[in-house]
């Protein structure tokens, strides 16, 4: 797919926005924790409070929604040909698949960490 600088600013901007949304720093900022804390949590070295876990789930849901919004803006360009639309659909579907896989993995990691933390906090024999 060739990118025309005159007509593909929306596409490039969408890719940049999505990339920025998905950094650990940005996610940590949305959650209200330091990025080092989120990194330690993702590595299984630190627990998050129930409040932070809930905020993390909300942040990931928000990122899903904002990703969809960012790419939907691309289709509103008046200078886009049918061929370009089809090419962009392929790219967006590929990105969407990768993002969905990543989000699924992150959500599973959150659940696993939360379960581990509950087990650590539970009295023996529970």
Protein backbone atom coordinates (compact mmCIF):
# COMPACT_ATOMS: atom_id res chain seq x y z
CA UNK A 1 0.00 0.00 0.00
CA UNK A 2 1.42 3.36 -0.95
CA UNK A 3 0.89 6.34 1.29
CA UNK A 4 0.23 9.69 -0.30
CA UNK A 5 1.40 12.46 2.06
CA UNK A 6 -1.43 14.70 0.87
CA UNK A 7 -4.23 12.26 1.67
CA UNK A 8 -2.94 9.80 4.28
CA UNK A 9 -2.39 12.06 7.27
CA UNK A 10 -5.46 10.60 8.98
CA UNK A 11 -4.13 7.06 8.61
CA UNK A 12 -0.66 7.94 9.90
CA UNK A 13 -2.19 9.92 12.76
CA UNK A 14 -4.40 6.97 13.69
CA UNK A 15 -1.43 4.61 13.78
CA UNK A 16 0.55 7.06 15.93
CA UNK A 17 -2.37 7.55 18.36
CA UNK A 18 -2.90 3.81 18.72
CA UNK A 19 0.80 3.18 19.28
CA UNK A 20 0.97 5.89 21.94
CA UNK A 21 -2.15 4.58 23.72
CA UNK A 22 -0.62 1.14 24.09
CA UNK A 23 2.60 2.03 25.91
CA UNK A 24 3.05 0.92 29.51
CA UNK A 25 3.64 4.55 30.49
CA UNK A 26 0.32 5.65 29.04
CA UNK A 27 -1.58 2.72 30.52
CA UNK A 28 0.01 3.34 33.93
CA UNK A 29 -0.91 7.02 33.73
CA UNK A 30 -4.53 6.11 32.98
CA UNK A 31 -4.56 3.68 35.90
CA UNK A 32 -2.98 6.18 38.28
CA UNK A 33 0.16 4.19 39.05
CA UNK A 34 3.80 4.67 38.12
CA UNK A 35 4.91 2.85 34.98
CA UNK A 36 7.50 1.00 37.07
CA UNK A 37 4.67 -0.32 39.26
CA UNK A 38 2.73 -1.54 36.22
CA UNK A 39 5.87 -3.16 34.83
CA UNK A 40 6.53 -5.00 38.10
CA UNK A 41 2.88 -6.10 38.18
CA UNK A 42 3.06 -7.43 34.62
CA UNK A 43 6.23 -9.35 35.53
CA UNK A 44 4.51 -10.83 38.61
CA UNK A 45 6.78 -9.06 41.06
CA UNK A 46 4.20 -6.76 42.64
CA UNK A 47 0.49 -6.82 43.37
CA UNK A 48 -1.95 -4.08 42.45
CA UNK A 49 -4.71 -2.98 44.76
CA UNK A 50 -8.27 -3.97 43.83
CA UNK A 51 -8.88 -0.31 42.97
CA UNK A 52 -5.89 -0.26 40.60
CA UNK A 53 -6.93 -3.58 39.03
CA UNK A 54 -10.38 -2.16 38.31
CA UNK A 55 -8.78 0.99 36.88
CA UNK A 56 -6.53 -1.17 34.70
CA UNK A 57 -9.51 -3.08 33.32
CA UNK A 58 -11.28 0.23 32.55
CA UNK A 59 -8.13 1.62 30.91
CA UNK A 60 -7.81 -1.41 28.63
CA UNK A 61 -11.49 -1.15 27.68
CA UNK A 62 -11.04 2.56 26.96
CA UNK A 63 -8.02 1.82 24.78
CA UNK A 64 -10.07 -0.71 22.80
CA UNK A 65 -12.76 1.91 22.20
CA UNK A 66 -10.28 4.68 21.36
CA UNK A 67 -8.43 2.40 18.94
CA UNK A 68 -11.66 1.75 17.07
CA UNK A 69 -12.41 5.49 17.02
CA UNK A 70 -8.92 6.36 15.76
CA UNK A 71 -9.19 4.01 12.80
CA UNK A 72 -12.79 4.93 12.01
CA UNK A 73 -11.66 8.51 11.38
CA UNK A 74 -9.49 7.26 8.51
CA UNK A 75 -12.48 6.28 6.38
CA UNK A 76 -13.88 9.82 6.38
CA UNK A 77 -11.21 11.18 4.03
CA UNK A 78 -12.87 12.59 0.88
CA UNK A 79 -9.84 11.74 -1.29
CA UNK A 80 -9.76 7.99 -0.69
CA UNK A 81 -10.22 5.61 -3.63
CA UNK A 82 -11.98 2.24 -3.46
CA UNK A 83 -8.63 0.49 -3.87
CA UNK A 84 -7.17 2.45 -0.95
CA UNK A 85 -10.20 1.61 1.17
CA UNK A 86 -9.68 -2.11 0.50
CA UNK A 87 -5.97 -1.85 1.25
CA UNK A 88 -6.65 -0.02 4.49
CA UNK A 89 -9.23 -2.61 5.51
CA UNK A 90 -6.54 -5.28 5.24
CA UNK A 91 -4.11 -3.23 7.33
CA UNK A 92 -6.71 -2.31 9.95
CA UNK A 93 -7.88 -5.93 10.22
CA UNK A 94 -4.29 -7.05 10.74
CA UNK A 95 -3.69 -4.36 13.39
CA UNK A 96 -7.05 -5.14 14.99
CA UNK A 97 -6.16 -8.83 15.24
CA UNK A 98 -2.82 -8.05 16.85
CA UNK A 99 -4.38 -5.58 19.28
CA UNK A 100 -7.15 -8.01 20.22
CA UNK A 101 -4.58 -10.73 20.89
CA UNK A 102 -2.51 -8.35 22.99
CA UNK A 103 -5.55 -7.15 24.92
CA UNK A 104 -6.64 -10.75 25.55
CA UNK A 105 -3.19 -11.60 26.84
CA UNK A 106 -3.11 -8.51 29.07
CA UNK A 107 -6.56 -9.23 30.47
CA UNK A 108 -5.58 -12.85 31.15
CA UNK A 109 -2.40 -11.66 32.84
CA UNK A 110 -4.42 -9.29 35.03
CA UNK A 111 -6.76 -12.09 36.04
CA UNK A 112 -3.88 -14.48 36.73
CA UNK A 113 -2.09 -11.88 38.86
CA UNK A 114 -5.27 -11.08 40.77
CA UNK A 115 -5.83 -14.80 41.45
CA UNK A 116 -2.22 -15.23 42.60
CA UNK A 117 -2.55 -12.23 44.90
CA UNK A 118 -5.79 -13.54 46.42
CA UNK A 119 -4.14 -16.91 47.01
CA UNK A 120 -1.13 -15.29 48.67
CA UNK A 121 -3.38 -13.21 50.92
CA UNK A 122 -5.70 -16.10 51.86
CA UNK A 123 -4.98 -17.87 55.16
CA UNK A 124 -3.47 -21.35 54.78
CA UNK A 125 -5.99 -24.09 54.19
CA UNK A 126 -8.52 -21.88 52.37
